[in-house]
Structure formats: C-alpha cells, structure tokens
Amino acid sequence: MRLDVAWKRIKTGIPSHAFEVQIGGDFFEALSKLKHAWDKWNSTPILVTTEEYEEKARLLLEGSFHEIQKVAKIVNISRIVELHQLQREAHKVKTETGISNNPALTE
C-alpha cells in the first residue's frame, strides 16, 4: 500500500499530506490508501483526479470512506498541472534575478 506521493515537512518525518493520483481505475483502493495514511499518521488525504471522476470519488467519501470526508481534498489534475507550471515560472524568474541563490530571500 504505497502512496503515489507523500509530502513531509521534514525529510525524516511522517507524511503531513498523502496524495493519490487516480484518473481511472480503482478509486476504492486509492481511497483505502488515503484512509490508511490518515489513520496511521493523521496525514491530510488528497485525491487528484479528473472532472469525469470527481463525482464518483465524492460518492465513495460519503459512503465507505465517510470517516475522512471532512478532511479529504479532491483536486482536479488540471489544477496540479497549473500549479506546476506556475512554480516552474517562479523558479525561472528567481534564477534570472538571483533571488534563488540567496537563501535569505527565498524563505
């Protein structure tokens, strides 16, 4: 039961956020992994999916996975792609201006 992505605040710490990317297939398994991460580490469960499957995910959260319904996030994959593009652009600007080379300016 490996998560697609585990986001840790510190390298040796426990996951603060657990991600499963599900663009089809077995949503029950994906939500089971997220529920397990929430039970074990109190990680914020985040399901990344397409608009087509968001309703299916919500129905499972209302039923079998009602324990994590209030804490789980469903994020459209297009928003993740958008975030990645914005971060790449921000990194590019920081590099061009020299901000990324100065740790005091990146915090």
PDB file of N, CA and C in Angstrom:
ATOM      1  N   MET A   1       0.838  -1.197   0.000  1.00  0.00           N
ATOM      2  CA  MET A   1       0.000   0.000   0.000  1.00  0.00           C
ATOM      3  C   MET A   1       0.873   1.247   0.000  1.00  0.00           C
ATOM      4  N   ARG A   2       1.552   1.473  -1.089  1.00  0.00           N
ATOM      5  CA  ARG A   2       2.390   2.657  -1.223  1.00  0.00           C
ATOM      6  C   ARG A   2       1.581   3.806  -1.804  1.00  0.00           C
ATOM      7  N   LEU A   3       1.777   4.970  -1.234  1.00  0.00           N
ATOM      8  CA  LEU A   3       1.127   6.186  -1.722  1.00  0.00           C
ATOM      9  C   LEU A   3       1.811   6.658  -2.993  1.00  0.00           C
ATOM     10  N   ASP A   4       1.070   7.350  -3.839  1.00  0.00           N
ATOM     11  CA  ASP A   4       1.680   7.948  -5.024  1.00  0.00           C
ATOM     12  C   ASP A   4       2.668   9.036  -4.612  1.00  0.00           C
ATOM     13  N   VAL A   5       2.259   9.880  -3.664  1.00  0.00           N
ATOM     14  CA  VAL A   5       3.128  10.960  -3.175  1.00  0.00           C
ATOM     15  C   VAL A   5       2.883  11.134  -1.679  1.00  0.00           C
ATOM     16  N   ALA A   6       3.977  11.268  -0.935  1.00  0.00           N
ATOM     17  CA  ALA A   6       3.896  11.588   0.490  1.00  0.00           C
ATOM     18  C   ALA A   6       4.686  12.874   0.698  1.00  0.00           C
ATOM     19  N   TRP A   7       4.023  13.893   1.215  1.00  0.00           N
ATOM     20  CA  TRP A   7       4.642  15.196   1.426  1.00  0.00           C
ATOM     21  C   TRP A   7       5.006  15.306   2.897  1.00  0.00           C
ATOM     22  N   LYS A   8       6.304  15.466   3.162  1.00  0.00           N
ATOM     23  CA  LYS A   8       6.785  15.569   4.537  1.00  0.00           C
ATOM     24  C   LYS A   8       7.304  16.972   4.803  1.00  0.00           C
ATOM     25  N   ARG A   9       7.067  17.466   5.993  1.00  0.00           N
ATOM     26  CA  ARG A   9       7.583  18.788   6.367  1.00  0.00           C
ATOM     27  C   ARG A   9       9.089  18.725   6.600  1.00  0.00           C
ATOM     28  N   ILE A  10       9.563  17.599   7.156  1.00  0.00           N
ATOM     29  CA  ILE A  10      10.999  17.372   7.307  1.00  0.00           C
ATOM     30  C   ILE A  10      11.318  15.995   6.732  1.00  0.00           C
ATOM     31  N   LYS A  11      12.524  15.851   6.218  1.00  0.00           N
ATOM     32  CA  LYS A  11      12.898  14.649   5.481  1.00  0.00           C
ATOM     33  C   LYS A  11      12.652  13.357   6.255  1.00  0.00           C
ATOM     34  N   THR A  12      12.955  13.344   7.529  1.00  0.00           N
ATOM     35  CA  THR A  12      12.823  12.120   8.322  1.00  0.00           C
ATOM     36  C   THR A  12      11.472  12.005   9.032  1.00  0.00           C
ATOM     37  N   GLY A  13      10.587  12.950   8.778  1.00  0.00           N
ATOM     38  CA  GLY A  13       9.296  12.963   9.465  1.00  0.00           C
ATOM     39  C   GLY A  13       8.255  12.086   8.815  1.00  0.00           C
ATOM     40  N   ILE A  14       7.077  12.141   9.383  1.00  0.00           N
ATOM     41  CA  ILE A  14       5.936  11.408   8.833  1.00  0.00           C
ATOM     42  C   ILE A  14       5.243  12.283   7.788  1.00  0.00           C
ATOM     43  N   PRO A  15       4.503  11.683   6.873  1.00  0.00           N
ATOM     44  CA  PRO A  15       3.822  12.480   5.842  1.00  0.00           C
ATOM     45  C   PRO A  15       2.759  13.404   6.436  1.00  0.00           C
ATOM     46  N   SER A  16       2.845  14.678   6.104  1.00  0.00           N
ATOM     47  CA  SER A  16       1.800  15.609   6.535  1.00  0.00           C
ATOM     48  C   SER A  16       0.634  15.589   5.543  1.00  0.00           C
ATOM     49  N   HIS A  17       0.939  15.232   4.297  1.00  0.00           N
ATOM     50  CA  HIS A  17      -0.071  15.142   3.240  1.00  0.00           C
ATOM     51  C   HIS A  17       0.159  13.852   2.455  1.00  0.00           C
ATOM     52  N   ALA A  18      -0.915  13.151   2.148  1.00  0.00           N
ATOM     53  CA  ALA A  18      -0.847  11.925   1.363  1.00  0.00           C
ATOM     54  C   ALA A  18      -1.626  12.139   0.076  1.00  0.00           C
ATOM     55  N   PHE A  19      -0.983  11.846  -1.054  1.00  0.00           N
ATOM     56  CA  PHE A  19      -1.603  12.056  -2.358  1.00  0.00           C
ATOM     57  C   PHE A  19      -1.793  10.731  -3.088  1.00  0.00           C
ATOM     58  N   GLU A  20      -2.933  10.589  -3.714  1.00  0.00           N
ATOM     59  CA  GLU A  20      -3.183   9.509  -4.650  1.00  0.00           C
ATOM     60  C   GLU A  20      -3.682  10.142  -5.939  1.00  0.00           C
ATOM     61  N   VAL A  21      -3.064   9.766  -7.047  1.00  0.00           N
ATOM     62  CA  VAL A  21      -3.474  10.261  -8.360  1.00  0.00           C
ATOM     63  C   VAL A  21      -4.278   9.153  -9.017  1.00  0.00           C
ATOM     64  N   GLN A  22      -5.547   9.440  -9.265  1.00  0.00           N
ATOM     65  CA  GLN A  22      -6.439   8.424  -9.821  1.00  0.00           C
ATOM     66  C   GLN A  22      -7.211   9.040 -10.974  1.00  0.00           C
ATOM     67  N   ILE A  23      -6.828   8.680 -12.182  1.00  0.00           N
ATOM     68  CA  ILE A  23      -7.515   9.218 -13.367  1.00  0.00           C
ATOM     69  C   ILE A  23      -8.332   8.134 -14.058  1.00  0.00           C
ATOM     70  N   GLY A  24      -8.666   7.130 -13.303  1.00  0.00           N
ATOM     71  CA  GLY A  24      -9.438   5.988 -13.766  1.00  0.00           C
ATOM     72  C   GLY A  24      -9.088   4.814 -12.873  1.00  0.00           C
ATOM     73  N   GLY A  25      -9.723   3.702 -13.075  1.00  0.00           N
ATOM     74  CA  GLY A  25      -9.348   2.516 -12.319  1.00  0.00           C
ATOM     75  C   GLY A  25     -10.030   2.408 -10.972  1.00  0.00           C
ATOM     76  N   ASP A  26      -9.283   1.929  -9.986  1.00  0.00           N
ATOM     77  CA  ASP A  26      -9.829   1.529  -8.702  1.00  0.00           C
ATOM     78  C   ASP A  26      -9.782   2.650  -7.661  1.00  0.00           C
ATOM     79  N   PHE A  27     -10.856   3.421  -7.581  1.00  0.00           N
ATOM     80  CA  PHE A  27     -10.935   4.513  -6.617  1.00  0.00           C
ATOM     81  C   PHE A  27     -11.022   3.978  -5.191  1.00  0.00           C
ATOM     82  N   PHE A  28     -11.597   2.818  -5.015  1.00  0.00           N
ATOM     83  CA  PHE A  28     -11.694   2.229  -3.684  1.00  0.00           C
ATOM     84  C   PHE A  28     -10.299   1.984  -3.123  1.00  0.00           C
ATOM     85  N   GLU A  29      -9.400   1.453  -3.944  1.00  0.00           N
ATOM     86  CA  GLU A  29      -8.025   1.214  -3.497  1.00  0.00           C
ATOM     87  C   GLU A  29      -7.314   2.529  -3.181  1.00  0.00           C
ATOM     88  N   ALA A  30      -7.489   3.523  -4.044  1.00  0.00           N
ATOM     89  CA  ALA A  30      -6.847   4.821  -3.820  1.00  0.00           C
ATOM     90  C   ALA A  30      -7.326   5.441  -2.509  1.00  0.00           C
ATOM     91  N   LEU A  31      -8.616   5.424  -2.278  1.00  0.00           N
ATOM     92  CA  LEU A  31      -9.153   5.994  -1.047  1.00  0.00           C
ATOM     93  C   LEU A  31      -8.778   5.156   0.171  1.00  0.00           C
ATOM     94  N   SER A  32      -8.601   3.852  -0.019  1.00  0.00           N
ATOM     95  CA  SER A  32      -8.132   2.994   1.083  1.00  0.00           C
ATOM     96  C   SER A  32      -6.729   3.410   1.521  1.00  0.00           C
ATOM     97  N   LYS A  33      -5.863   3.708   0.553  1.00  0.00           N
ATOM     98  CA  LYS A  33      -4.508   4.157   0.878  1.00  0.00           C
ATOM     99  C   LYS A  33      -4.538   5.484   1.620  1.00  0.00           C
ATOM    100  N   LEU A  34      -5.399   6.394   1.162  1.00  0.00           N
ATOM    101  CA  LEU A  34      -5.508   7.693   1.820  1.00  0.00           C
ATOM    102  C   LEU A  34      -6.072   7.546   3.233  1.00  0.00           C
ATOM    103  N   LYS A  35      -7.045   6.697   3.392  1.00  0.00           N
ATOM    104  CA  LYS A  35      -7.635   6.452   4.721  1.00  0.00           C
ATOM    105  C   LYS A  35      -6.588   5.861   5.654  1.00  0.00           C
ATOM    106  N   HIS A  36      -5.787   4.943   5.146  1.00  0.00           N
ATOM    107  CA  HIS A  36      -4.733   4.327   5.951  1.00  0.00           C
ATOM    108  C   HIS A  36      -3.716   5.384   6.407  1.00  0.00           C
ATOM    109  N   ALA A  37      -3.315   6.273   5.496  1.00  0.00           N
ATOM    110  CA  ALA A  37      -2.361   7.343   5.841  1.00  0.00           C
ATOM    111  C   ALA A  37      -2.952   8.277   6.891  1.00  0.00           C
ATOM    112  N   TRP A  38      -4.231   8.561   6.775  1.00  0.00           N
ATOM    113  CA  TRP A  38      -4.901   9.419   7.761  1.00  0.00           C
ATOM    114  C   TRP A  38      -4.964   8.721   9.124  1.00  0.00           C
ATOM    115  N   ASP A  39      -5.307   7.435   9.108  1.00  0.00           N
ATOM    116  CA  ASP A  39      -5.373   6.668  10.360  1.00  0.00           C
ATOM    117  C   ASP A  39      -4.008   6.556  11.028  1.00  0.00           C
ATOM    118  N   LYS A  40      -2.983   6.275  10.234  1.00  0.00           N
ATOM    119  CA  LYS A  40      -1.656   5.995  10.775  1.00  0.00           C
ATOM    120  C   LYS A  40      -0.888   7.255  11.165  1.00  0.00           C
ATOM    121  N   TRP A  41      -0.927   8.293  10.306  1.00  0.00           N
ATOM    122  CA  TRP A  41      -0.095   9.483  10.521  1.00  0.00           C
ATOM    123  C   TRP A  41      -0.892  10.779  10.661  1.00  0.00           C
ATOM    124  N   ASN A  42      -2.200  10.700  10.549  1.00  0.00           N
ATOM    125  CA  ASN A  42      -3.035  11.900  10.547  1.00  0.00           C
ATOM    126  C   ASN A  42      -2.677  12.810   9.369  1.00  0.00           C
ATOM    127  N   SER A  43      -2.290  12.200   8.248  1.00  0.00           N
ATOM    128  CA  SER A  43      -1.942  12.937   7.029  1.00  0.00           C
ATOM    129  C   SER A  43      -3.204  13.469   6.362  1.00  0.00           C
ATOM    130  N   THR A  44      -3.113  14.643   5.787  1.00  0.00           N
ATOM    131  CA  THR A  44      -4.225  15.180   5.013  1.00  0.00           C
ATOM    132  C   THR A  44      -4.355  14.365   3.726  1.00  0.00           C
ATOM    133  N   PRO A  45      -5.499  13.709   3.503  1.00  0.00           N
ATOM    134  CA  PRO A  45      -5.669  12.902   2.301  1.00  0.00           C
ATOM    135  C   PRO A  45      -6.088  13.756   1.102  1.00  0.00           C
ATOM    136  N   ILE A  46      -5.345  13.610   0.007  1.00  0.00           N
ATOM    137  CA  ILE A  46      -5.633  14.393  -1.199  1.00  0.00           C
ATOM    138  C   ILE A  46      -5.727  13.450  -2.387  1.00  0.00           C
ATOM    139  N   LEU A  47      -6.885  13.450  -3.016  1.00  0.00           N
ATOM    140  CA  LEU A  47      -7.117  12.639  -4.208  1.00  0.00           C
ATOM    141  C   LEU A  47      -7.067  13.554  -5.421  1.00  0.00           C
ATOM    142  N   VAL A  48      -6.158  13.263  -6.327  1.00  0.00           N
ATOM    143  CA  VAL A  48      -6.036  14.023  -7.566  1.00  0.00           C
ATOM    144  C   VAL A  48      -6.702  13.199  -8.660  1.00  0.00           C
ATOM    145  N   THR A  49      -7.666  13.807  -9.347  1.00  0.00           N
ATOM    146  CA  THR A  49      -8.416  13.076 -10.359  1.00  0.00           C
ATOM    147  C   THR A  49      -8.901  14.030 -11.447  1.00  0.00           C
ATOM    148  N   THR A  50      -9.661  13.497 -12.371  1.00  0.00           N
ATOM    149  CA  THR A  50     -10.214  14.312 -13.458  1.00  0.00           C
ATOM    150  C   THR A  50     -11.645  14.711 -13.117  1.00  0.00           C
ATOM    151  N   GLU A  51     -12.150  15.691 -13.835  1.00  0.00           N
ATOM    152  CA  GLU A  51     -13.523  16.142 -13.621  1.00  0.00           C
ATOM    153  C   GLU A  51     -14.505  14.991 -13.813  1.00  0.00           C
ATOM    154  N   GLU A  52     -14.188  14.119 -14.750  1.00  0.00           N
ATOM    155  CA  GLU A  52     -15.043  12.976 -15.050  1.00  0.00           C
ATOM    156  C   GLU A  52     -15.273  12.075 -13.829  1.00  0.00           C
ATOM    157  N   TYR A  53     -14.270  11.957 -12.954  1.00  0.00           N
ATOM    158  CA  TYR A  53     -14.351  11.024 -11.833  1.00  0.00           C
ATOM    159  C   TYR A  53     -14.574  11.693 -10.482  1.00  0.00           C
ATOM    160  N   GLU A  54     -14.665  13.013 -10.442  1.00  0.00           N
ATOM    161  CA  GLU A  54     -14.828  13.704  -9.163  1.00  0.00           C
ATOM    162  C   GLU A  54     -16.094  13.257  -8.436  1.00  0.00           C
ATOM    163  N   GLU A  55     -17.178  13.094  -9.149  1.00  0.00           N
ATOM    164  CA  GLU A  55     -18.441  12.702  -8.518  1.00  0.00           C
ATOM    165  C   GLU A  55     -18.352  11.295  -7.941  1.00  0.00           C
ATOM    166  N   LYS A  56     -17.721  10.385  -8.657  1.00  0.00           N
ATOM    167  CA  LYS A  56     -17.532   9.025  -8.152  1.00  0.00           C
ATOM    168  C   LYS A  56     -16.745   9.046  -6.838  1.00  0.00           C
ATOM    169  N   ALA A  57     -15.719   9.867  -6.797  1.00  0.00           N
ATOM    170  CA  ALA A  57     -14.904   9.986  -5.589  1.00  0.00           C
ATOM    171  C   ALA A  57     -15.729  10.559  -4.440  1.00  0.00           C
ATOM    172  N   ARG A  58     -16.519  11.581  -4.717  1.00  0.00           N
ATOM    173  CA  ARG A  58     -17.358  12.182  -3.675  1.00  0.00           C
ATOM    174  C   ARG A  58     -18.366  11.171  -3.109  1.00  0.00           C
ATOM    175  N   LEU A  59     -18.935  10.358  -3.985  1.00  0.00           N
ATOM    176  CA  LEU A  59     -19.889   9.336  -3.525  1.00  0.00           C
ATOM    177  C   LEU A  59     -19.214   8.328  -2.598  1.00  0.00           C
ATOM    178  N   LEU A  60     -17.999   7.918  -2.923  1.00  0.00           N
ATOM    179  CA  LEU A  60     -17.270   6.999  -2.048  1.00  0.00           C
ATOM    180  C   LEU A  60     -16.932   7.659  -0.713  1.00  0.00           C
ATOM    181  N   LEU A  61     -16.613   8.951  -0.749  1.00  0.00           N
ATOM    182  CA  LEU A  61     -16.319   9.664   0.501  1.00  0.00           C
ATOM    183  C   LEU A  61     -17.567   9.817   1.373  1.00  0.00           C
ATOM    184  N   GLU A  62     -18.717   9.892   0.749  1.00  0.00           N
ATOM    185  CA  GLU A  62     -19.967   9.985   1.517  1.00  0.00           C
ATOM    186  C   GLU A  62     -20.376   8.630   2.094  1.00  0.00           C
ATOM    187  N   GLY A  63     -19.895   7.564   1.474  1.00  0.00           N
ATOM    188  CA  GLY A  63     -20.279   6.222   1.898  1.00  0.00           C
ATOM    189  C   GLY A  63     -19.169   5.519   2.651  1.00  0.00           C
ATOM    190  N   SER A  64     -18.469   4.657   1.965  1.00  0.00           N
ATOM    191  CA  SER A  64     -17.456   3.787   2.582  1.00  0.00           C
ATOM    192  C   SER A  64     -16.362   4.539   3.320  1.00  0.00           C
ATOM    193  N   PHE A  65     -16.044   5.745   2.873  1.00  0.00           N
ATOM    194  CA  PHE A  65     -14.930   6.491   3.465  1.00  0.00           C
ATOM    195  C   PHE A  65     -15.404   7.757   4.179  1.00  0.00           C
ATOM    196  N   HIS A  66     -16.576   7.668   4.799  1.00  0.00           N
ATOM    197  CA  HIS A  66     -17.156   8.830   5.470  1.00  0.00           C
ATOM    198  C   HIS A  66     -16.272   9.372   6.594  1.00  0.00           C
ATOM    199  N   GLU A  67     -15.388   8.525   7.149  1.00  0.00           N
ATOM    200  CA  GLU A  67     -14.520   8.971   8.252  1.00  0.00           C
ATOM    201  C   GLU A  67     -13.560  10.080   7.814  1.00  0.00           C
ATOM    202  N   ILE A  68     -13.181  10.087   6.547  1.00  0.00           N
ATOM    203  CA  ILE A  68     -12.237  11.103   6.070  1.00  0.00           C
ATOM    204  C   ILE A  68     -12.905  12.154   5.179  1.00  0.00           C
ATOM    205  N   GLN A  69     -14.210  12.092   5.073  1.00  0.00           N
ATOM    206  CA  GLN A  69     -14.924  13.003   4.171  1.00  0.00           C
ATOM    207  C   GLN A  69     -14.642  14.478   4.471  1.00  0.00           C
ATOM    208  N   LYS A  70     -14.597  14.848   5.735  1.00  0.00           N
ATOM    209  CA  LYS A  70     -14.407  16.255   6.096  1.00  0.00           C
ATOM    210  C   LYS A  70     -12.964  16.736   5.918  1.00  0.00           C
ATOM    211  N   VAL A  71     -12.009  15.819   5.934  1.00  0.00           N
ATOM    212  CA  VAL A  71     -10.601  16.209   5.823  1.00  0.00           C
ATOM    213  C   VAL A  71     -10.011  15.958   4.434  1.00  0.00           C
ATOM    214  N   ALA A  72     -10.634  15.076   3.668  1.00  0.00           N
ATOM    215  CA  ALA A  72     -10.111  14.730   2.340  1.00  0.00           C
ATOM    216  C   ALA A  72     -10.335  15.864   1.350  1.00  0.00           C
ATOM    217  N   LYS A  73      -9.378  16.030   0.481  1.00  0.00           N
ATOM    218  CA  LYS A  73      -9.468  17.021  -0.591  1.00  0.00           C
ATOM    219  C   LYS A  73      -9.525  16.280  -1.920  1.00  0.00           C
ATOM    220  N   ILE A  74     -10.380  16.732  -2.811  1.00  0.00           N
ATOM    221  CA  ILE A  74     -10.408  16.219  -4.181  1.00  0.00           C
ATOM    222  C   ILE A  74      -9.949  17.363  -5.063  1.00  0.00           C
ATOM    223  N   VAL A  75      -8.871  17.135  -5.796  1.00  0.00           N
ATOM    224  CA  VAL A  75      -8.266  18.185  -6.613  1.00  0.00           C
ATOM    225  C   VAL A  75      -8.247  17.730  -8.064  1.00  0.00           C
ATOM    226  N   ASN A  76      -8.714  18.601  -8.934  1.00  0.00           N
ATOM    227  CA  ASN A  76      -8.692  18.299 -10.357  1.00  0.00           C
ATOM    228  C   ASN A  76      -7.254  18.333 -10.853  1.00  0.00           C
ATOM    229  N   ILE A  77      -6.879  17.352 -11.633  1.00  0.00           N
ATOM    230  CA  ILE A  77      -5.496  17.238 -12.112  1.00  0.00           C
ATOM    231  C   ILE A  77      -5.057  18.467 -12.909  1.00  0.00           C
ATOM    232  N   SER A  78      -5.989  19.141 -13.555  1.00  0.00           N
ATOM    233  CA  SER A  78      -5.630  20.349 -14.313  1.00  0.00           C
ATOM    234  C   SER A  78      -5.101  21.444 -13.383  1.00  0.00           C
ATOM    235  N   ARG A  79      -5.591  21.476 -12.147  1.00  0.00           N
ATOM    236  CA  ARG A  79      -5.096  22.459 -11.163  1.00  0.00           C
ATOM    237  C   ARG A  79      -3.663  22.133 -10.739  1.00  0.00           C
ATOM    238  N   ILE A  80      -3.330  20.851 -10.646  1.00  0.00           N
ATOM    239  CA  ILE A  80      -1.967  20.431 -10.305  1.00  0.00           C
ATOM    240  C   ILE A  80      -1.015  20.806 -11.438  1.00  0.00           C
ATOM    241  N   VAL A  81      -1.441  20.583 -12.672  1.00  0.00           N
ATOM    242  CA  VAL A  81      -0.627  20.964 -13.835  1.00  0.00           C
ATOM    243  C   VAL A  81      -0.407  22.472 -13.834  1.00  0.00           C
ATOM    244  N   GLU A  82      -1.453  23.234 -13.551  1.00  0.00           N
ATOM    245  CA  GLU A  82      -1.353  24.686 -13.481  1.00  0.00           C
ATOM    246  C   GLU A  82      -0.377  25.119 -12.386  1.00  0.00           C
ATOM    247  N   LEU A  83      -0.473  24.511 -11.217  1.00  0.00           N
ATOM    248  CA  LEU A  83       0.428  24.821 -10.113  1.00  0.00           C
ATOM    249  C   LEU A  83       1.881  24.538 -10.503  1.00  0.00           C
ATOM    250  N   HIS A  84       2.109  23.407 -11.138  1.00  0.00           N
ATOM    251  CA  HIS A  84       3.467  23.041 -11.554  1.00  0.00           C
ATOM    252  C   HIS A  84       4.038  24.075 -12.539  1.00  0.00           C
ATOM    253  N   GLN A  85       3.221  24.498 -13.489  1.00  0.00           N
ATOM    254  CA  GLN A  85       3.676  25.492 -14.460  1.00  0.00           C
ATOM    255  C   GLN A  85       4.000  26.824 -13.781  1.00  0.00           C
ATOM    256  N   LEU A  86       3.170  27.233 -12.849  1.00  0.00           N
ATOM    257  CA  LEU A  86       3.416  28.484 -12.129  1.00  0.00           C
ATOM    258  C   LEU A  86       4.693  28.406 -11.289  1.00  0.00           C
ATOM    259  N   GLN A  87       4.926  27.264 -10.654  1.00  0.00           N
ATOM    260  CA  GLN A  87       6.138  27.106  -9.855  1.00  0.00           C
ATOM    261  C   GLN A  87       7.387  27.108 -10.734  1.00  0.00           C
ATOM    262  N   ARG A  88       7.306  26.487 -11.895  1.00  0.00           N
ATOM    263  CA  ARG A  88       8.445  26.498 -12.826  1.00  0.00           C
ATOM    264  C   ARG A  88       8.748  27.921 -13.277  1.00  0.00           C
ATOM    265  N   GLU A  89       7.700  28.684 -13.569  1.00  0.00           N
ATOM    266  CA  GLU A  89       7.890  30.073 -13.996  1.00  0.00           C
ATOM    267  C   GLU A  89       8.478  30.908 -12.857  1.00  0.00           C
ATOM    268  N   ALA A  90       7.974  30.707 -11.645  1.00  0.00           N
ATOM    269  CA  ALA A  90       8.510  31.441 -10.493  1.00  0.00           C
ATOM    270  C   ALA A  90       9.976  31.097 -10.266  1.00  0.00           C
ATOM    271  N   HIS A  91      10.332  29.824 -10.403  1.00  0.00           N
ATOM    272  CA  HIS A  91      11.726  29.405 -10.249  1.00  0.00           C
ATOM    273  C   HIS A  91      12.602  30.062 -11.318  1.00  0.00           C
ATOM    274  N   LYS A  92      12.090  30.132 -12.528  1.00  0.00           N
ATOM    275  CA  LYS A  92      12.818  30.758 -13.634  1.00  0.00           C
ATOM    276  C   LYS A  92      13.095  32.238 -13.327  1.00  0.00           C
ATOM    277  N   VAL A  93      12.089  32.948 -12.860  1.00  0.00           N
ATOM    278  CA  VAL A  93      12.252  34.365 -12.527  1.00  0.00           C
ATOM    279  C   VAL A  93      13.226  34.532 -11.364  1.00  0.00           C
ATOM    280  N   LYS A  94      13.124  33.685 -10.347  1.00  0.00           N
ATOM    281  CA  LYS A  94      14.042  33.759  -9.209  1.00  0.00           C
ATOM    282  C   LYS A  94      15.479  33.524  -9.650  1.00  0.00           C
ATOM    283  N   THR A  95      15.670  32.570 -10.545  1.00  0.00           N
ATOM    284  CA  THR A  95      17.014  32.287 -11.044  1.00  0.00           C
ATOM    285  C   THR A  95      17.548  33.468 -11.843  1.00  0.00           C
ATOM    286  N   GLU A  96      16.713  34.043 -12.707  1.00  0.00           N
ATOM    287  CA  GLU A  96      17.123  35.186 -13.532  1.00  0.00           C
ATOM    288  C   GLU A  96      17.490  36.399 -12.687  1.00  0.00           C
ATOM    289  N   THR A  97      16.787  36.588 -11.579  1.00  0.00           N
ATOM    290  CA  THR A  97      17.037  37.762 -10.732  1.00  0.00           C
ATOM    291  C   THR A  97      18.052  37.505  -9.632  1.00  0.00           C
ATOM    292  N   GLY A  98      18.460  36.252  -9.484  1.00  0.00           N
ATOM    293  CA  GLY A  98      19.425  35.905  -8.456  1.00  0.00           C
ATOM    294  C   GLY A  98      18.811  35.673  -7.089  1.00  0.00           C
ATOM    295  N   ILE A  99      17.511  35.709  -7.000  1.00  0.00           N
ATOM    296  CA  ILE A  99      16.841  35.520  -5.714  1.00  0.00           C
ATOM    297  C   ILE A  99      17.025  34.084  -5.226  1.00  0.00           C
ATOM    298  N   SER A 100      16.973  33.115  -6.134  1.00  0.00           N
ATOM    299  CA  SER A 100      17.069  31.716  -5.702  1.00  0.00           C
ATOM    300  C   SER A 100      18.443  31.352  -5.178  1.00  0.00           C
ATOM    301  N   ASN A 101      19.462  32.168  -5.465  1.00  0.00           N
ATOM    302  CA  ASN A 101      20.803  31.882  -4.969  1.00  0.00           C
ATOM    303  C   ASN A 101      21.041  32.438  -3.569  1.00  0.00           C
ATOM    304  N   ASN A 102      20.089  33.219  -3.069  1.00  0.00           N
ATOM    305  CA  ASN A 102      20.226  33.822  -1.756  1.00  0.00           C
ATOM    306  C   ASN A 102      19.190  33.194  -0.830  1.00  0.00           C
ATOM    307  N   PRO A 103      19.599  32.257   0.048  1.00  0.00           N
ATOM    308  CA  PRO A 103      18.632  31.562   0.923  1.00  0.00           C
ATOM    309  C   PRO A 103      17.791  32.516   1.778  1.00  0.00           C
ATOM    310  N   ALA A 104      18.346  33.649   2.147  1.00  0.00           N
ATOM    311  CA  ALA A 104      17.597  34.603   2.982  1.00  0.00           C
ATOM    312  C   ALA A 104      16.407  35.170   2.234  1.00  0.00           C
ATOM    313  N   LEU A 105      16.467  35.220   0.920  1.00  0.00           N
ATOM    314  CA  LEU A 105      15.382  35.805   0.138  1.00  0.00           C
ATOM    315  C   LEU A 105      14.343  34.792  -0.313  1.00  0.00           C
ATOM    316  N   THR A 106      14.589  33.508  -0.153  1.00  0.00           N
ATOM    317  CA  THR A 106      13.651  32.507  -0.634  1.00  0.00           C
ATOM    318  C   THR A 106      12.701  31.996   0.440  1.00  0.00           C
ATOM    319  N   GLU A 107      12.886  32.413   1.661  1.00  0.00           N
ATOM    320  CA  GLU A 107      12.003  31.915   2.741  1.00  0.00           C
ATOM    321  C   GLU A 107      10.774  32.750   2.899  1.00  0.00           C
TER     322      GLU A 107
END
